[in-house]
Amino acid sequence: MKIVKINTDDIIDWDSFHDLFSKKFGFPKFYGKNMNAWIDCMTSLDSPDDGMTSIHTSKGETIIIELENVSSLATRNREIYDAIIESSAFVNYRKIELGEPAVLTLSFHKTRT
C-alpha cells in the first residue's frame, strides 16, 4: 500500500490543485488540468502501461491519498474539497463497473503531522 501526502494548504485555486496533483502523481505533460483528466489519470494508477501516472499500485491494492489540513481546505475552497471526494469516488466506481477493485482511499487529517 502506498501513501501520497497532499498538504492541502498548498491548494489555493484550481491551477494550484492541478499542479500539485500532477507533480505528486507524475501526470503526463498533456494532462488537461480539469477533473475529467484527473479522473482519467487516477483511474490508471494500477495500469502503468497507460503512462498516465508515475506512481502505481498492484491490482487489488489501493493508493492512500493523505489529505493534510483538510479542514482548512473545506473551509477555504469547498468546491475543490468536494471535487476531490466526488472524483475519487467516481474513479473507484469506474473500476468497480469494470469488475476491478477500487484503487483510491482518502485519508483526512485536520493538521499536519
N, C-alpha and C. Protein backbone atom coordinates (compact mmCIF):
# COMPACT_ATOMS: atom_id res chain seq x y z
N MET A 1 0.85 -1.17 0.00
CA MET A 1 0.00 0.00 0.00
C MET A 1 0.90 1.24 0.00
N LYS A 2 0.61 2.16 -0.90
CA LYS A 2 1.37 3.40 -1.00
C LYS A 2 0.56 4.55 -0.44
N ILE A 3 1.26 5.50 0.17
CA ILE A 3 0.62 6.70 0.71
C ILE A 3 1.21 7.91 0.00
N VAL A 4 0.33 8.76 -0.52
CA VAL A 4 0.75 10.01 -1.13
C VAL A 4 0.19 11.13 -0.27
N LYS A 5 1.09 11.91 0.33
CA LYS A 5 0.66 13.00 1.20
C LYS A 5 0.45 14.26 0.38
N ILE A 6 -0.70 14.87 0.60
CA ILE A 6 -1.05 16.13 -0.06
C ILE A 6 -1.30 17.16 1.02
N ASN A 7 -0.47 18.19 1.08
CA ASN A 7 -0.69 19.28 2.00
C ASN A 7 -1.70 20.23 1.35
N THR A 8 -2.92 20.19 1.81
CA THR A 8 -3.97 20.98 1.16
C THR A 8 -3.79 22.48 1.37
N ASP A 9 -2.88 22.88 2.26
CA ASP A 9 -2.56 24.31 2.38
C ASP A 9 -1.94 24.84 1.08
N ASP A 10 -1.38 23.94 0.29
CA ASP A 10 -0.78 24.32 -0.99
C ASP A 10 -1.81 24.48 -2.10
N ILE A 11 -3.07 24.15 -1.80
CA ILE A 11 -4.14 24.29 -2.79
C ILE A 11 -4.85 25.62 -2.54
N ILE A 12 -4.63 26.54 -3.45
CA ILE A 12 -5.21 27.88 -3.34
C ILE A 12 -6.38 28.04 -4.30
N ASP A 13 -6.23 27.44 -5.47
CA ASP A 13 -7.22 27.56 -6.53
C ASP A 13 -7.11 26.31 -7.42
N TRP A 14 -7.87 26.30 -8.51
CA TRP A 14 -7.86 25.12 -9.38
C TRP A 14 -6.48 24.88 -10.01
N ASP A 15 -5.80 25.95 -10.41
CA ASP A 15 -4.47 25.77 -11.01
C ASP A 15 -3.51 25.12 -10.02
N SER A 16 -3.50 25.59 -8.79
CA SER A 16 -2.59 25.01 -7.79
C SER A 16 -2.99 23.57 -7.45
N PHE A 17 -4.29 23.28 -7.45
CA PHE A 17 -4.75 21.91 -7.24
C PHE A 17 -4.18 20.98 -8.31
N HIS A 18 -4.38 21.36 -9.56
CA HIS A 18 -3.92 20.51 -10.66
C HIS A 18 -2.40 20.43 -10.72
N ASP A 19 -1.72 21.52 -10.45
CA ASP A 19 -0.25 21.49 -10.43
C ASP A 19 0.27 20.56 -9.34
N LEU A 20 -0.32 20.62 -8.16
CA LEU A 20 0.11 19.79 -7.04
C LEU A 20 -0.11 18.31 -7.32
N PHE A 21 -1.31 17.96 -7.77
CA PHE A 21 -1.59 16.54 -8.05
C PHE A 21 -0.77 16.04 -9.23
N SER A 22 -0.58 16.88 -10.23
CA SER A 22 0.22 16.49 -11.39
C SER A 22 1.66 16.19 -10.96
N LYS A 23 2.19 17.01 -10.09
CA LYS A 23 3.56 16.81 -9.60
C LYS A 23 3.66 15.56 -8.72
N LYS A 24 2.73 15.43 -7.77
CA LYS A 24 2.78 14.31 -6.82
C LYS A 24 2.57 12.96 -7.50
N PHE A 25 1.69 12.92 -8.51
CA PHE A 25 1.36 11.64 -9.15
C PHE A 25 2.05 11.44 -10.49
N GLY A 26 2.78 12.46 -10.95
CA GLY A 26 3.51 12.30 -12.21
C GLY A 26 2.60 12.17 -13.42
N PHE A 27 1.61 13.03 -13.50
CA PHE A 27 0.72 13.02 -14.66
C PHE A 27 1.53 13.38 -15.92
N PRO A 28 1.06 12.96 -17.08
CA PRO A 28 1.80 13.25 -18.32
C PRO A 28 1.76 14.74 -18.67
N LYS A 29 2.67 15.15 -19.54
CA LYS A 29 2.75 16.56 -19.93
C LYS A 29 1.48 17.06 -20.60
N PHE A 30 0.73 16.16 -21.22
CA PHE A 30 -0.50 16.56 -21.90
C PHE A 30 -1.71 16.60 -20.96
N TYR A 31 -1.49 16.44 -19.66
CA TYR A 31 -2.58 16.49 -18.67
C TYR A 31 -3.40 17.76 -18.87
N GLY A 32 -4.71 17.60 -18.97
CA GLY A 32 -5.60 18.69 -19.33
C GLY A 32 -6.00 19.65 -18.23
N LYS A 33 -5.55 19.43 -17.00
CA LYS A 33 -5.88 20.32 -15.88
C LYS A 33 -7.38 20.56 -15.73
N ASN A 34 -8.14 19.49 -15.75
CA ASN A 34 -9.56 19.54 -15.43
C ASN A 34 -9.91 18.24 -14.73
N MET A 35 -11.07 18.16 -14.13
CA MET A 35 -11.41 16.98 -13.32
C MET A 35 -11.62 15.73 -14.17
N ASN A 36 -12.05 15.87 -15.41
CA ASN A 36 -12.16 14.68 -16.27
C ASN A 36 -10.78 14.09 -16.54
N ALA A 37 -9.80 14.95 -16.79
CA ALA A 37 -8.43 14.48 -17.00
C ALA A 37 -7.87 13.88 -15.71
N TRP A 38 -8.17 14.50 -14.55
CA TRP A 38 -7.73 13.98 -13.26
C TRP A 38 -8.27 12.57 -13.05
N ILE A 39 -9.56 12.39 -13.32
CA ILE A 39 -10.18 11.07 -13.18
C ILE A 39 -9.52 10.05 -14.10
N ASP A 40 -9.27 10.44 -15.34
CA ASP A 40 -8.61 9.52 -16.28
C ASP A 40 -7.24 9.10 -15.77
N CYS A 41 -6.46 10.05 -15.29
CA CYS A 41 -5.12 9.71 -14.77
C CYS A 41 -5.22 8.80 -13.55
N MET A 42 -6.07 9.15 -12.61
CA MET A 42 -6.18 8.37 -11.38
C MET A 42 -6.76 6.97 -11.62
N THR A 43 -7.58 6.83 -12.63
CA THR A 43 -8.13 5.51 -12.95
C THR A 43 -7.02 4.56 -13.39
N SER A 44 -5.91 5.10 -13.89
CA SER A 44 -4.81 4.27 -14.39
C SER A 44 -3.73 3.98 -13.36
N LEU A 45 -3.99 4.24 -12.09
CA LEU A 45 -2.97 4.01 -11.07
C LEU A 45 -2.49 2.56 -11.01
N ASP A 46 -3.35 1.63 -11.39
CA ASP A 46 -2.95 0.22 -11.38
C ASP A 46 -2.64 -0.30 -12.78
N SER A 47 -2.45 0.62 -13.72
CA SER A 47 -2.14 0.26 -15.10
C SER A 47 -0.94 1.07 -15.60
N PRO A 48 0.27 0.73 -15.17
CA PRO A 48 1.44 1.52 -15.52
C PRO A 48 1.66 1.67 -17.03
N ASP A 49 1.24 0.69 -17.80
CA ASP A 49 1.43 0.77 -19.25
C ASP A 49 0.63 1.89 -19.90
N ASP A 50 -0.38 2.42 -19.18
CA ASP A 50 -1.16 3.53 -19.71
C ASP A 50 -0.34 4.82 -19.78
N GLY A 51 0.70 4.94 -18.95
CA GLY A 51 1.55 6.12 -18.94
C GLY A 51 0.89 7.37 -18.39
N MET A 52 -0.11 7.19 -17.53
CA MET A 52 -0.86 8.34 -17.02
C MET A 52 -0.35 8.84 -15.67
N THR A 53 0.42 8.03 -14.95
CA THR A 53 0.98 8.43 -13.66
C THR A 53 2.37 7.80 -13.51
N SER A 54 3.15 8.38 -12.62
CA SER A 54 4.45 7.77 -12.32
C SER A 54 4.38 6.94 -11.04
N ILE A 55 3.27 7.06 -10.32
CA ILE A 55 3.02 6.25 -9.12
C ILE A 55 2.03 5.16 -9.50
N HIS A 56 2.31 3.94 -9.05
CA HIS A 56 1.45 2.83 -9.40
C HIS A 56 1.21 1.93 -8.20
N THR A 57 0.15 1.16 -8.30
CA THR A 57 -0.16 0.15 -7.32
C THR A 57 -0.51 -1.13 -8.06
N SER A 58 -0.45 -2.23 -7.37
CA SER A 58 -0.83 -3.50 -7.96
C SER A 58 -2.34 -3.63 -8.01
N LYS A 59 -2.82 -4.43 -8.93
CA LYS A 59 -4.26 -4.70 -8.98
C LYS A 59 -4.70 -5.25 -7.63
N GLY A 60 -5.81 -4.73 -7.13
CA GLY A 60 -6.34 -5.19 -5.86
C GLY A 60 -5.85 -4.39 -4.66
N GLU A 61 -4.89 -3.49 -4.87
CA GLU A 61 -4.41 -2.63 -3.78
C GLU A 61 -4.82 -1.20 -4.06
N THR A 62 -4.91 -0.41 -3.01
CA THR A 62 -5.26 0.99 -3.19
C THR A 62 -4.08 1.89 -2.86
N ILE A 63 -4.13 3.08 -3.40
CA ILE A 63 -3.21 4.13 -3.02
C ILE A 63 -3.96 5.05 -2.07
N ILE A 64 -3.35 5.35 -0.95
CA ILE A 64 -3.97 6.24 0.03
C ILE A 64 -3.53 7.66 -0.28
N ILE A 65 -4.51 8.54 -0.46
CA ILE A 65 -4.22 9.96 -0.58
C ILE A 65 -4.47 10.56 0.80
N GLU A 66 -3.38 10.94 1.46
CA GLU A 66 -3.47 11.50 2.80
C GLU A 66 -3.58 13.02 2.67
N LEU A 67 -4.75 13.53 2.92
CA LEU A 67 -5.03 14.96 2.79
C LEU A 67 -4.77 15.65 4.11
N GLU A 68 -3.64 16.37 4.17
CA GLU A 68 -3.27 17.08 5.39
C GLU A 68 -3.96 18.44 5.43
N ASN A 69 -4.34 18.88 6.63
CA ASN A 69 -5.01 20.17 6.83
C ASN A 69 -6.31 20.27 6.03
N VAL A 70 -7.00 19.17 5.94
CA VAL A 70 -8.17 19.10 5.07
C VAL A 70 -9.32 19.99 5.57
N SER A 71 -9.41 20.21 6.87
CA SER A 71 -10.48 21.09 7.39
C SER A 71 -10.31 22.50 6.85
N SER A 72 -9.08 22.93 6.73
CA SER A 72 -8.81 24.25 6.18
C SER A 72 -9.24 24.34 4.73
N LEU A 73 -8.96 23.31 3.95
CA LEU A 73 -9.39 23.30 2.55
C LEU A 73 -10.91 23.33 2.44
N ALA A 74 -11.57 22.55 3.28
CA ALA A 74 -13.04 22.51 3.25
C ALA A 74 -13.64 23.88 3.54
N THR A 75 -12.99 24.65 4.37
CA THR A 75 -13.46 25.99 4.70
C THR A 75 -13.09 26.99 3.61
N ARG A 76 -11.86 26.93 3.13
CA ARG A 76 -11.36 27.90 2.15
C ARG A 76 -11.92 27.70 0.76
N ASN A 77 -12.04 26.44 0.35
CA ASN A 77 -12.48 26.16 -1.01
C ASN A 77 -13.29 24.87 -1.05
N ARG A 78 -14.55 25.01 -0.69
CA ARG A 78 -15.44 23.84 -0.60
C ARG A 78 -15.60 23.14 -1.95
N GLU A 79 -15.54 23.91 -3.02
CA GLU A 79 -15.70 23.32 -4.36
C GLU A 79 -14.60 22.30 -4.66
N ILE A 80 -13.37 22.66 -4.36
CA ILE A 80 -12.26 21.74 -4.61
C ILE A 80 -12.31 20.57 -3.63
N TYR A 81 -12.60 20.83 -2.38
CA TYR A 81 -12.75 19.78 -1.37
C TYR A 81 -13.78 18.74 -1.84
N ASP A 82 -14.95 19.22 -2.24
CA ASP A 82 -16.00 18.32 -2.72
C ASP A 82 -15.57 17.57 -3.98
N ALA A 83 -14.86 18.26 -4.87
CA ALA A 83 -14.42 17.63 -6.11
C ALA A 83 -13.45 16.48 -5.86
N ILE A 84 -12.57 16.64 -4.88
CA ILE A 84 -11.64 15.56 -4.54
C ILE A 84 -12.42 14.32 -4.10
N ILE A 85 -13.38 14.52 -3.23
CA ILE A 85 -14.18 13.40 -2.73
C ILE A 85 -15.01 12.76 -3.84
N GLU A 86 -15.74 13.58 -4.57
CA GLU A 86 -16.62 13.06 -5.62
C GLU A 86 -15.83 12.40 -6.75
N SER A 87 -14.73 13.00 -7.15
CA SER A 87 -13.94 12.44 -8.24
C SER A 87 -13.22 11.16 -7.84
N SER A 88 -12.76 11.10 -6.60
CA SER A 88 -12.15 9.86 -6.10
C SER A 88 -13.19 8.74 -6.07
N ALA A 89 -14.37 9.06 -5.62
CA ALA A 89 -15.45 8.07 -5.61
C ALA A 89 -15.77 7.61 -7.03
N PHE A 90 -15.75 8.54 -7.98
CA PHE A 90 -16.04 8.18 -9.37
C PHE A 90 -14.95 7.28 -9.94
N VAL A 91 -13.68 7.56 -9.61
CA VAL A 91 -12.59 6.69 -10.05
C VAL A 91 -12.86 5.26 -9.58
N ASN A 92 -13.20 5.10 -8.30
CA ASN A 92 -13.46 3.78 -7.75
C ASN A 92 -14.70 3.15 -8.38
N TYR A 93 -15.74 3.94 -8.60
CA TYR A 93 -16.95 3.45 -9.26
C TYR A 93 -16.62 2.92 -10.65
N ARG A 94 -15.82 3.68 -11.38
CA ARG A 94 -15.42 3.29 -12.73
C ARG A 94 -14.71 1.94 -12.70
N LYS A 95 -13.80 1.76 -11.74
CA LYS A 95 -13.08 0.49 -11.62
C LYS A 95 -14.04 -0.66 -11.29
N ILE A 96 -14.93 -0.42 -10.35
CA ILE A 96 -15.87 -1.46 -9.92
C ILE A 96 -16.80 -1.85 -11.07
N GLU A 97 -17.23 -0.87 -11.86
CA GLU A 97 -18.08 -1.15 -13.02
C GLU A 97 -17.38 -2.06 -14.04
N LEU A 98 -16.05 -2.00 -14.06
CA LEU A 98 -15.26 -2.85 -14.96
C LEU A 98 -14.96 -4.21 -14.33
N GLY A 99 -15.48 -4.43 -13.11
CA GLY A 99 -15.24 -5.69 -12.41
C GLY A 99 -13.89 -5.72 -11.71
N GLU A 100 -13.29 -4.55 -11.51
CA GLU A 100 -11.99 -4.45 -10.85
C GLU A 100 -12.17 -3.82 -9.48
N PRO A 101 -11.22 -4.02 -8.58
CA PRO A 101 -11.32 -3.41 -7.25
C PRO A 101 -11.01 -1.92 -7.28
N ALA A 102 -11.47 -1.23 -6.27
CA ALA A 102 -11.20 0.20 -6.10
C ALA A 102 -9.69 0.43 -6.04
N VAL A 103 -9.27 1.64 -6.43
CA VAL A 103 -7.85 1.95 -6.50
C VAL A 103 -7.44 3.09 -5.56
N LEU A 104 -8.42 3.85 -5.04
CA LEU A 104 -8.12 5.01 -4.19
C LEU A 104 -8.75 4.90 -2.81
N THR A 105 -8.01 5.37 -1.83
CA THR A 105 -8.50 5.54 -0.47
C THR A 105 -8.13 6.95 -0.05
N LEU A 106 -9.07 7.67 0.54
CA LEU A 106 -8.79 9.01 1.05
C LEU A 106 -8.63 8.95 2.56
N SER A 107 -7.66 9.67 3.07
CA SER A 107 -7.42 9.80 4.50
C SER A 107 -7.40 11.27 4.83
N PHE A 108 -8.19 11.68 5.82
CA PHE A 108 -8.34 13.09 6.16
C PHE A 108 -7.64 13.40 7.48
N HIS A 109 -6.88 14.51 7.47
CA HIS A 109 -6.18 14.96 8.67
C HIS A 109 -6.43 16.44 8.86
N LYS A 110 -6.75 16.82 10.10
CA LYS A 110 -7.02 18.24 10.40
C LYS A 110 -5.75 19.06 10.38
N THR A 111 -4.67 18.51 10.89
CA THR A 111 -3.42 19.26 10.96
C THR A 111 -2.29 18.41 10.41
N ARG A 112 -1.24 19.09 10.01
CA ARG A 112 -0.06 18.42 9.50
C ARG A 112 0.61 17.63 10.62
N THR A 113 1.17 16.48 10.27
CA THR A 113 1.90 15.67 11.25
C THR A 113 3.38 15.87 11.09
